[in-house]
Structure formats: structure tokens, C-alpha cells
Amino acid sequence: MAASAPTPGGTDFTVLVPALDEAERIGGVVHEARRAGARQVLVVDSGSSDATAEVAVAAGASCHRVEDLAPGGPCLGKGDALWRGLALVETEVVVFLDGDLQIDGPEFLGSLLAPLAAGAQLSKANFLRIRPSGVPGPGRITTLVARPLIENVAPELAWMDEPLSGQIAAPVALLRELPFEVDYGVEIGMLLDVHHRHGAAAIAHPDCGSLAHVSQDDVALSEMARQVIRAALRRSSDDFADLEPLPRPPHGS
């Protein structure tokens, strides 16, 4: 295997990847994580029916079935998989990567991690999104749902091009304090939680190059939009300061 690329400030980090039926691309994601120098590469498999687990392990990841992680039982969604996997992280910094990515260039993870060395609490990747057709352009949920929501509930963050980016770097201790949404509301919830607790200045949105994602159909996007809207509305209520996580035992219990 080729030598790992240096990370900013010698950052010791873990890459955590939630995955469901991503055998086609998960190997490439794991390869990029290892090439960037991750101490751990953890894949949390949410019940794949394909060879996701086998491909991930062959590429050098440690793969865990979500139902085997505390508190056990079926996966409730993407956020639940991330929360359960977070308990396995041994480093002080974790990077979340989606399992359906095609990362273009070795600088992606280094660019994502760099703001943490400069004091940021949450680094959320900005990137040029490449559609399956090969034409670049923003995601539909981002354009039609997330950006308008952000403009209304947290206008200080309206400058962010990709507020739903799932490519995130942050201190593990910070993330373990947040009330993770169990589903696709996790990214916007995490963003608004850090903004509420630490302010907009604690959030970085570095340019990390380009990414290709697998496109979802309209039915799946409609459900994702509903979850994003629910997470944002929960955080725009008068009870925001007392927001509790959706039911889940704390890490270490």
C-alpha cells in the first residue's frame, strides 16, 4: 500500500462511514481514508443485501453491523448509524464520509481537516457536486429545502453552499454532546446545534474539490426532505435550548 499522505498538524483521526448497499463505491471511499492517514476506518453497515461489508474489509476497513452496536436492534436511519459508530472511535477527531462517494483527488480529507487545526469546531465540506450525467450542479434537496430553511432559522449560515454535506470533521467530544437526529435530519441538526452552542465562527466550510454522489429517486428525496425539515423546525422552536436527542442511551451506558 502507498504511504499515507500527511494530515494538517499531524492530526490523528478516524473515518466513520455509514453504508447501505454501497458495494460499488465503498472500496474507493475506504481507500481514500487510508491514503489520507486515518488511524481507524470504520464502516457501519445498516443491513446491506450486497457485498458492502466484504468490499469494505478487503479495502482495509473494520466493518460493523449496526444491529450489533449498542443499543442493538434495527437501524433507525443514517444518524442512528453514525451515533452508534461514534462509540467505536478511538481518536479525538472523527471524519464522517458517505459510502456512495467518488472522491476526486487526494487533497479532499486534508482540506476537510485543516480548519480543525485552526480552531474550528465543525468542518463541513464544500464541494463541486458532479451529477451522474457528468454535469456539475447542486443537489435538489439542498437547493429547494435546506438553503431556504437555513436562511430563515439561521441566516448567519446562509453563506454555506452545501449545508447538508455529510462530509464532516469534528472533535469526538463535541459530537457526543449533540442530540443526533436518527435519520437524514442528522446533518442539518448537527450544523444548527453547533451554531447554537458555539456560534457561526466555529463552523468552517472549506473547499474540498469535487464529489460524485449516487442520485436518489423522487420518492426517496421526498422522505429525505421531510426529515430535514423536521430537524430544522425542532431547532427553531422556543424550546430549542432544551432540545433532547431522539430516544437513545448515551455512549458508555
C-alpha atoms as a PDB file:
ATOM      1  CA  MET A   1       0.000   0.000   0.000  1.00  0.00           C
ATOM      2  CA  ALA A   2       1.220   3.525  -0.777  1.00  0.00           C
ATOM      3  CA  ALA A   3       2.421   5.697   2.077  1.00  0.00           C
ATOM      4  CA  SER A   4      -0.264   7.770   3.776  1.00  0.00           C
ATOM      5  CA  ALA A   5      -0.395  11.468   2.980  1.00  0.00           C
ATOM      6  CA  PRO A   6       0.400  13.826   5.883  1.00  0.00           C
ATOM      7  CA  THR A   7      -2.590  15.455   7.563  1.00  0.00           C
ATOM      8  CA  PRO A   8      -2.711  19.055   8.829  1.00  0.00           C
ATOM      9  CA  GLY A   9      -0.753  19.366  12.041  1.00  0.00           C
ATOM     10  CA  GLY A  10      -0.307  15.598  12.140  1.00  0.00           C
ATOM     11  CA  THR A  11      -3.997  15.157  13.058  1.00  0.00           C
ATOM     12  CA  ASP A  12      -4.811  11.721  14.446  1.00  0.00           C
ATOM     13  CA  PHE A  13      -8.275  10.895  13.132  1.00  0.00           C
ATOM     14  CA  THR A  14     -10.809   8.180  12.436  1.00  0.00           C
ATOM     15  CA  VAL A  15     -13.018   7.939   9.363  1.00  0.00           C
ATOM     16  CA  LEU A  16     -16.548   6.661  10.019  1.00  0.00           C
ATOM     17  CA  VAL A  17     -18.709   5.623   7.063  1.00  0.00           C
ATOM     18  CA  PRO A  18     -22.408   4.703   7.328  1.00  0.00           C
ATOM     19  CA  ALA A  19     -23.289   2.360   4.479  1.00  0.00           C
ATOM     20  CA  LEU A  20     -26.239   0.536   2.970  1.00  0.00           C
ATOM     21  CA  ASP A  21     -25.788  -1.416  -0.276  1.00  0.00           C
ATOM     22  CA  GLU A  22     -22.699   0.541  -1.350  1.00  0.00           C
ATOM     23  CA  ALA A  23     -20.535  -2.322  -2.660  1.00  0.00           C
ATOM     24  CA  GLU A  24     -19.837  -0.434  -5.887  1.00  0.00           C
ATOM     25  CA  ARG A  25     -18.170   2.562  -4.222  1.00  0.00           C
ATOM     26  CA  ILE A  26     -17.339   1.722  -0.605  1.00  0.00           C
ATOM     27  CA  GLY A  27     -13.929   0.326  -1.538  1.00  0.00           C
ATOM     28  CA  GLY A  28     -12.894   3.637  -3.067  1.00  0.00           C
ATOM     29  CA  VAL A  29     -14.049   5.584  -0.007  1.00  0.00           C
ATOM     30  CA  VAL A  30     -12.079   3.300   2.313  1.00  0.00           C
ATOM     31  CA  HIS A  31      -9.017   3.570   0.065  1.00  0.00           C
ATOM     32  CA  GLU A  32      -9.123   7.378   0.208  1.00  0.00           C
ATOM     33  CA  ALA A  33      -9.469   7.301   4.002  1.00  0.00           C
ATOM     34  CA  ARG A  34      -6.450   5.019   4.356  1.00  0.00           C
ATOM     35  CA  ARG A  35      -4.416   7.018   1.885  1.00  0.00           C
ATOM     36  CA  ALA A  36      -5.113  10.173   3.900  1.00  0.00           C
ATOM     37  CA  GLY A  37      -3.687   8.535   7.033  1.00  0.00           C
ATOM     38  CA  ALA A  38      -6.757   7.658   9.119  1.00  0.00           C
ATOM     39  CA  ARG A  39      -5.819   5.599  12.174  1.00  0.00           C
ATOM     40  CA  GLN A  40      -9.198   3.843  12.042  1.00  0.00           C
ATOM     41  CA  VAL A  41     -11.571   3.350   9.124  1.00  0.00           C
ATOM     42  CA  LEU A  42     -14.934   2.192  10.472  1.00  0.00           C
ATOM     43  CA  VAL A  43     -17.827   1.153   8.260  1.00  0.00           C
ATOM     44  CA  VAL A  44     -21.224   0.793   9.928  1.00  0.00           C
ATOM     45  CA  ASP A  45     -23.361  -1.440   7.721  1.00  0.00           C
ATOM     46  CA  SER A  46     -27.087  -0.812   8.092  1.00  0.00           C
ATOM     47  CA  GLY A  47     -28.211  -4.189   6.736  1.00  0.00           C
ATOM     48  CA  SER A  48     -26.781  -4.307   3.219  1.00  0.00           C
ATOM     49  CA  SER A  49     -28.034  -7.030   0.886  1.00  0.00           C
ATOM     50  CA  ASP A  50     -24.968  -6.763  -1.354  1.00  0.00           C
ATOM     51  CA  ALA A  51     -21.228  -7.249  -0.694  1.00  0.00           C
ATOM     52  CA  THR A  52     -20.700  -3.898   1.049  1.00  0.00           C
ATOM     53  CA  ALA A  53     -19.133  -5.482   4.140  1.00  0.00           C
ATOM     54  CA  GLU A  54     -16.826  -7.787   2.193  1.00  0.00           C
ATOM     55  CA  VAL A  55     -15.623  -4.990  -0.093  1.00  0.00           C
ATOM     56  CA  ALA A  56     -15.042  -2.630   2.842  1.00  0.00           C
ATOM     57  CA  VAL A  57     -12.985  -5.188   4.764  1.00  0.00           C
ATOM     58  CA  ALA A  58     -10.965  -6.105   1.673  1.00  0.00           C
ATOM     59  CA  ALA A  59     -10.142  -2.404   1.226  1.00  0.00           C
ATOM     60  CA  GLY A  60      -8.864  -2.181   4.801  1.00  0.00           C
ATOM     61  CA  ALA A  61     -11.833  -1.076   6.913  1.00  0.00           C
ATOM     62  CA  SER A  62     -13.255  -2.506  10.097  1.00  0.00           C
ATOM     63  CA  CYS A  63     -16.904  -3.260   9.323  1.00  0.00           C
ATOM     64  CA  HIS A  64     -19.636  -3.490  11.951  1.00  0.00           C
ATOM     65  CA  ARG A  65     -23.277  -4.447  11.601  1.00  0.00           C
ATOM     66  CA  VAL A  66     -25.384  -1.668  13.078  1.00  0.00           C
ATOM     67  CA  GLU A  67     -27.624  -4.117  14.942  1.00  0.00           C
ATOM     68  CA  ASP A  68     -24.555  -5.395  16.808  1.00  0.00           C
ATOM     69  CA  LEU A  69     -23.799  -1.938  18.207  1.00  0.00           C
ATOM     70  CA  ALA A  70     -25.439  -0.543  21.348  1.00  0.00           C
ATOM     71  CA  PRO A  71     -28.296  -0.252  21.992  1.00  0.00           C
ATOM     72  CA  GLY A  72     -28.898  -3.067  19.473  1.00  0.00           C
ATOM     73  CA  GLY A  73     -31.860  -3.669  17.236  1.00  0.00           C
ATOM     74  CA  PRO A  74     -32.579  -2.460  13.702  1.00  0.00           C
ATOM     75  CA  CYS A  75     -31.007   0.725  12.431  1.00  0.00           C
ATOM     76  CA  LEU A  76     -33.310   3.749  12.719  1.00  0.00           C
ATOM     77  CA  GLY A  77     -31.545   5.672   9.957  1.00  0.00           C
ATOM     78  CA  LYS A  78     -28.317   7.364   8.944  1.00  0.00           C
ATOM     79  CA  GLY A  79     -27.988   9.435  12.106  1.00  0.00           C
ATOM     80  CA  ASP A  80     -28.514   6.371  14.253  1.00  0.00           C
ATOM     81  CA  ALA A  81     -25.738   4.520  12.402  1.00  0.00           C
ATOM     82  CA  LEU A  82     -23.365   7.467  12.928  1.00  0.00           C
ATOM     83  CA  TRP A  83     -24.230   7.721  16.621  1.00  0.00           C
ATOM     84  CA  ARG A  84     -23.723   4.026  17.271  1.00  0.00           C
ATOM     85  CA  GLY A  85     -20.447   4.017  15.317  1.00  0.00           C
ATOM     86  CA  LEU A  86     -19.162   7.025  17.250  1.00  0.00           C
ATOM     87  CA  ALA A  87     -18.789   4.809  20.321  1.00  0.00           C
ATOM     88  CA  LEU A  88     -16.092   2.825  18.455  1.00  0.00           C
ATOM     89  CA  VAL A  89     -13.910   5.840  17.668  1.00  0.00           C
ATOM     90  CA  GLU A  90     -10.562   5.815  19.490  1.00  0.00           C
ATOM     91  CA  THR A  91      -9.197   9.153  18.269  1.00  0.00           C
ATOM     92  CA  GLU A  92     -10.072  12.694  19.377  1.00  0.00           C
ATOM     93  CA  VAL A  93     -11.151  13.685  15.847  1.00  0.00           C
ATOM     94  CA  VAL A  94     -13.578  11.881  13.568  1.00  0.00           C
ATOM     95  CA  VAL A  95     -14.423  12.363   9.903  1.00  0.00           C
ATOM     96  CA  PHE A  96     -17.828  11.285   8.603  1.00  0.00           C
ATOM     97  CA  LEU A  97     -17.886  10.243   4.945  1.00  0.00           C
ATOM     98  CA  ASP A  98     -20.831   8.956   2.934  1.00  0.00           C
ATOM     99  CA  GLY A  99     -20.434   5.475   1.491  1.00  0.00           C
ATOM    100  CA  ASP A 100     -21.597   6.350  -2.029  1.00  0.00           C
ATOM    101  CA  LEU A 101     -18.887   8.878  -2.878  1.00  0.00           C
ATOM    102  CA  GLN A 102     -16.428   9.100  -5.690  1.00  0.00           C
ATOM    103  CA  ILE A 103     -13.731  11.416  -4.333  1.00  0.00           C
ATOM    104  CA  ASP A 104     -11.754  13.309  -6.960  1.00  0.00           C
ATOM    105  CA  GLY A 105      -8.248  13.987  -5.692  1.00  0.00           C
ATOM    106  CA  PRO A 106      -6.132  13.119  -2.639  1.00  0.00           C
ATOM    107  CA  GLU A 107      -6.464  16.574  -1.058  1.00  0.00           C
ATOM    108  CA  PHE A 108     -10.115  16.140  -0.040  1.00  0.00           C
ATOM    109  CA  LEU A 109      -9.605  14.881   3.515  1.00  0.00           C
ATOM    110  CA  GLY A 110      -6.662  17.165   4.190  1.00  0.00           C
ATOM    111  CA  SER A 111      -8.755  20.180   3.201  1.00  0.00           C
ATOM    112  CA  LEU A 112     -11.633  18.996   5.387  1.00  0.00           C
ATOM    113  CA  LEU A 113      -9.419  18.512   8.451  1.00  0.00           C
ATOM    114  CA  ALA A 114      -7.367  21.709   8.123  1.00  0.00           C
ATOM    115  CA  PRO A 115      -9.893  24.079   9.800  1.00  0.00           C
ATOM    116  CA  LEU A 116      -9.866  21.995  12.995  1.00  0.00           C
ATOM    117  CA  ALA A 117      -6.154  22.681  13.388  1.00  0.00           C
ATOM    118  CA  ALA A 118      -7.020  26.381  13.118  1.00  0.00           C
ATOM    119  CA  GLY A 119      -9.633  26.183  15.877  1.00  0.00           C
ATOM    120  CA  ALA A 120     -12.904  25.335  14.115  1.00  0.00           C
ATOM    121  CA  GLN A 121     -15.330  23.063  15.984  1.00  0.00           C
ATOM    122  CA  LEU A 122     -17.122  21.730  12.907  1.00  0.00           C
ATOM    123  CA  SER A 123     -15.707  21.446   9.399  1.00  0.00           C
ATOM    124  CA  LYS A 124     -18.324  20.671   6.757  1.00  0.00           C
ATOM    125  CA  ALA A 125     -17.029  20.115   3.225  1.00  0.00           C
ATOM    126  CA  ASN A 126     -17.946  22.419   0.397  1.00  0.00           C
ATOM    127  CA  PHE A 127     -17.505  20.740  -2.967  1.00  0.00           C
ATOM    128  CA  LEU A 128     -18.438  20.737  -6.605  1.00  0.00           C
ATOM    129  CA  ARG A 129     -21.180  18.132  -6.908  1.00  0.00           C
ATOM    130  CA  ILE A 130     -20.951  16.028 -10.067  1.00  0.00           C
ATOM    131  CA  ARG A 131     -24.265  14.584 -11.223  1.00  0.00           C
ATOM    132  CA  PRO A 132     -24.469  11.056 -12.744  1.00  0.00           C
ATOM    133  CA  SER A 133     -24.678  12.722 -16.165  1.00  0.00           C
ATOM    134  CA  GLY A 134     -21.270  14.265 -15.522  1.00  0.00           C
ATOM    135  CA  VAL A 135     -22.703  17.783 -15.302  1.00  0.00           C
ATOM    136  CA  PRO A 136     -21.952  19.688 -12.068  1.00  0.00           C
ATOM    137  CA  GLY A 137     -24.767  21.184 -10.036  1.00  0.00           C
ATOM    138  CA  PRO A 138     -26.228  21.423  -6.527  1.00  0.00           C
ATOM    139  CA  GLY A 139     -28.462  18.746  -5.039  1.00  0.00           C
ATOM    140  CA  ARG A 140     -32.224  19.207  -5.242  1.00  0.00           C
ATOM    141  CA  ILE A 141     -32.836  18.947  -1.501  1.00  0.00           C
ATOM    142  CA  THR A 142     -30.059  21.437  -0.850  1.00  0.00           C
ATOM    143  CA  THR A 143     -31.472  23.964  -3.318  1.00  0.00           C
ATOM    144  CA  LEU A 144     -35.188  23.562  -2.647  1.00  0.00           C
ATOM    145  CA  VAL A 145     -35.224  22.760   1.078  1.00  0.00           C
ATOM    146  CA  ALA A 146     -32.002  23.218   3.052  1.00  0.00           C
ATOM    147  CA  ARG A 147     -30.861  26.630   1.864  1.00  0.00           C
ATOM    148  CA  PRO A 148     -34.299  28.283   2.303  1.00  0.00           C
ATOM    149  CA  LEU A 149     -34.563  26.724   5.757  1.00  0.00           C
ATOM    150  CA  ILE A 150     -31.130  27.982   6.790  1.00  0.00           C
ATOM    151  CA  GLU A 151     -31.956  31.483   5.548  1.00  0.00           C
ATOM    152  CA  ASN A 152     -34.953  31.538   7.893  1.00  0.00           C
ATOM    153  CA  VAL A 153     -33.743  29.716  11.018  1.00  0.00           C
ATOM    154  CA  ALA A 154     -30.023  30.607  10.974  1.00  0.00           C
ATOM    155  CA  PRO A 155     -29.358  33.412   8.459  1.00  0.00           C
ATOM    156  CA  GLU A 156     -25.779  33.717   9.756  1.00  0.00           C
ATOM    157  CA  LEU A 157     -25.118  30.424   7.922  1.00  0.00           C
ATOM    158  CA  ALA A 158     -26.800  31.391   4.649  1.00  0.00           C
ATOM    159  CA  TRP A 159     -23.372  31.712   3.007  1.00  0.00           C
ATOM    160  CA  MET A 160     -22.904  27.931   3.059  1.00  0.00           C
ATOM    161  CA  ASP A 161     -23.281  26.291  -0.355  1.00  0.00           C
ATOM    162  CA  GLU A 162     -23.621  22.732   0.997  1.00  0.00           C
ATOM    163  CA  PRO A 163     -25.344  22.876   4.407  1.00  0.00           C
ATOM    164  CA  LEU A 164     -26.380  19.212   4.034  1.00  0.00           C
ATOM    165  CA  SER A 165     -22.890  17.963   3.299  1.00  0.00           C
ATOM    166  CA  GLY A 166     -22.331  14.630   5.039  1.00  0.00           C
ATOM    167  CA  GLN A 167     -18.556  15.006   4.762  1.00  0.00           C
ATOM    168  CA  ILE A 168     -17.787  16.368   8.215  1.00  0.00           C
ATOM    169  CA  ALA A 169     -14.799  16.597  10.563  1.00  0.00           C
ATOM    170  CA  ALA A 170     -15.175  17.425  14.245  1.00  0.00           C
ATOM    171  CA  PRO A 171     -13.865  16.624  17.713  1.00  0.00           C
ATOM    172  CA  VAL A 172     -15.451  13.444  19.038  1.00  0.00           C
ATOM    173  CA  ALA A 173     -16.118  15.042  22.436  1.00  0.00           C
ATOM    174  CA  LEU A 174     -18.233  17.742  20.803  1.00  0.00           C
ATOM    175  CA  LEU A 175     -20.268  15.305  18.750  1.00  0.00           C
ATOM    176  CA  ARG A 176     -21.016  13.077  21.740  1.00  0.00           C
ATOM    177  CA  GLU A 177     -22.764  16.033  23.398  1.00  0.00           C
ATOM    178  CA  LEU A 178     -25.127  16.696  20.488  1.00  0.00           C
ATOM    179  CA  PRO A 179     -28.710  15.404  20.142  1.00  0.00           C
ATOM    180  CA  PHE A 180     -28.229  13.409  16.928  1.00  0.00           C
ATOM    181  CA  GLU A 181     -31.280  13.001  14.732  1.00  0.00           C
ATOM    182  CA  VAL A 182     -31.648   9.326  13.854  1.00  0.00           C
ATOM    183  CA  ASP A 183     -32.251   9.807  10.113  1.00  0.00           C
ATOM    184  CA  TYR A 184     -31.327  12.187   7.274  1.00  0.00           C
ATOM    185  CA  GLY A 185     -32.031  15.122   9.559  1.00  0.00           C
ATOM    186  CA  VAL A 186     -28.654  14.463  11.177  1.00  0.00           C
ATOM    187  CA  GLU A 187     -26.568  16.831   9.036  1.00  0.00           C
ATOM    188  CA  ILE A 188     -28.737  19.937   9.352  1.00  0.00           C
ATOM    189  CA  GLY A 189     -29.389  19.139  13.006  1.00  0.00           C
ATOM    190  CA  MET A 190     -25.675  18.879  13.728  1.00  0.00           C
ATOM    191  CA  LEU A 191     -24.991  22.144  11.900  1.00  0.00           C
ATOM    192  CA  LEU A 192     -27.675  24.069  13.796  1.00  0.00           C
ATOM    193  CA  ASP A 193     -26.676  22.537  17.132  1.00  0.00           C
ATOM    194  CA  VAL A 194     -23.042  23.622  16.772  1.00  0.00           C
ATOM    195  CA  HIS A 195     -24.155  27.051  15.591  1.00  0.00           C
ATOM    196  CA  HIS A 196     -26.434  27.429  18.612  1.00  0.00           C
ATOM    197  CA  ARG A 197     -23.769  26.302  21.099  1.00  0.00           C
ATOM    198  CA  HIS A 198     -20.621  27.822  19.620  1.00  0.00           C
ATOM    199  CA  GLY A 199     -21.663  30.418  17.038  1.00  0.00           C
ATOM    200  CA  ALA A 200     -21.144  30.718  13.299  1.00  0.00           C
ATOM    201  CA  ALA A 201     -17.423  31.444  13.730  1.00  0.00           C
ATOM    202  CA  ALA A 202     -16.907  27.872  14.990  1.00  0.00           C
ATOM    203  CA  ILE A 203     -18.116  26.414  11.679  1.00  0.00           C
ATOM    204  CA  ALA A 204     -15.858  26.019   8.639  1.00  0.00           C
ATOM    205  CA  HIS A 205     -16.918  25.196   5.086  1.00  0.00           C
ATOM    206  CA  PRO A 206     -13.666  24.520   3.235  1.00  0.00           C
ATOM    207  CA  ASP A 207     -13.488  23.904  -0.485  1.00  0.00           C
ATOM    208  CA  CYS A 208     -12.522  20.255  -0.826  1.00  0.00           C
ATOM    209  CA  GLY A 209     -12.658  19.655  -4.585  1.00  0.00           C
ATOM    210  CA  SER A 210     -15.342  17.664  -6.372  1.00  0.00           C
ATOM    211  CA  LEU A 211     -17.526  14.692  -5.448  1.00  0.00           C
ATOM    212  CA  ALA A 212     -19.859  12.393  -7.315  1.00  0.00           C
ATOM    213  CA  HIS A 213     -22.862  11.060  -5.397  1.00  0.00           C
ATOM    214  CA  VAL A 214     -25.380   8.386  -6.330  1.00  0.00           C
ATOM    215  CA  SER A 215     -28.681  10.078  -7.225  1.00  0.00           C
ATOM    216  CA  GLN A 216     -31.875   9.215  -5.349  1.00  0.00           C
ATOM    217  CA  ASP A 217     -35.319   8.953  -6.913  1.00  0.00           C
ATOM    218  CA  ASP A 218     -38.110  11.427  -6.133  1.00  0.00           C
ATOM    219  CA  VAL A 219     -39.762   9.173  -3.544  1.00  0.00           C
ATOM    220  CA  ALA A 220     -36.541   8.859  -1.545  1.00  0.00           C
ATOM    221  CA  LEU A 221     -35.807  12.578  -1.882  1.00  0.00           C
ATOM    222  CA  SER A 222     -39.281  13.455  -0.639  1.00  0.00           C
ATOM    223  CA  GLU A 223     -38.704  11.442   2.547  1.00  0.00           C
ATOM    224  CA  MET A 224     -35.251  12.979   2.994  1.00  0.00           C
ATOM    225  CA  ALA A 225     -36.767  16.452   2.628  1.00  0.00           C
ATOM    226  CA  ARG A 226     -39.371  15.668   5.294  1.00  0.00           C
ATOM    227  CA  GLN A 227     -36.656  14.574   7.722  1.00  0.00           C
ATOM    228  CA  VAL A 228     -34.510  17.654   7.037  1.00  0.00           C
ATOM    229  CA  ILE A 229     -37.478  19.971   7.575  1.00  0.00           C
ATOM    230  CA  ARG A 230     -38.453  18.234  10.833  1.00  0.00           C
ATOM    231  CA  ALA A 231     -34.921  18.517  12.225  1.00  0.00           C
ATOM    232  CA  ALA A 232     -34.705  22.218  11.389  1.00  0.00           C
ATOM    233  CA  LEU A 233     -38.158  23.013  12.793  1.00  0.00           C
ATOM    234  CA  ARG A 234     -37.323  21.231  16.053  1.00  0.00           C
ATOM    235  CA  ARG A 235     -34.402  23.628  16.413  1.00  0.00           C
ATOM    236  CA  SER A 236     -36.368  26.766  15.559  1.00  0.00           C
ATOM    237  CA  SER A 237     -38.883  26.355  18.394  1.00  0.00           C
ATOM    238  CA  ASP A 238     -38.909  28.246  21.687  1.00  0.00           C
ATOM    239  CA  ASP A 239     -37.721  25.066  23.374  1.00  0.00           C
ATOM    240  CA  PHE A 240     -34.502  24.942  21.330  1.00  0.00           C
ATOM    241  CA  ALA A 241     -32.227  25.355  24.348  1.00  0.00           C
ATOM    242  CA  ASP A 242     -33.775  22.288  25.974  1.00  0.00           C
ATOM    243  CA  LEU A 243     -33.798  20.091  22.878  1.00  0.00           C
ATOM    244  CA  GLU A 244     -33.331  16.448  23.739  1.00  0.00           C
ATOM    245  CA  PRO A 245     -31.992  13.757  21.414  1.00  0.00           C
ATOM    246  CA  LEU A 246     -34.386  11.266  19.932  1.00  0.00           C
ATOM    247  CA  PRO A 247     -34.539   8.214  22.250  1.00  0.00           C
ATOM    248  CA  ARG A 248     -31.150   6.534  22.558  1.00  0.00           C
ATOM    249  CA  PRO A 249     -28.926   5.596  25.528  1.00  0.00           C
ATOM    250  CA  PRO A 250     -25.766   7.683  25.941  1.00  0.00           C
ATOM    251  CA  HIS A 251     -22.380   6.351  24.911  1.00  0.00           C
ATOM    252  CA  GLY A 252     -20.787   4.268  27.606  1.00  0.00           C
ATOM    253  CA  SER A 253     -24.094   3.132  29.120  1.00  0.00           C
END
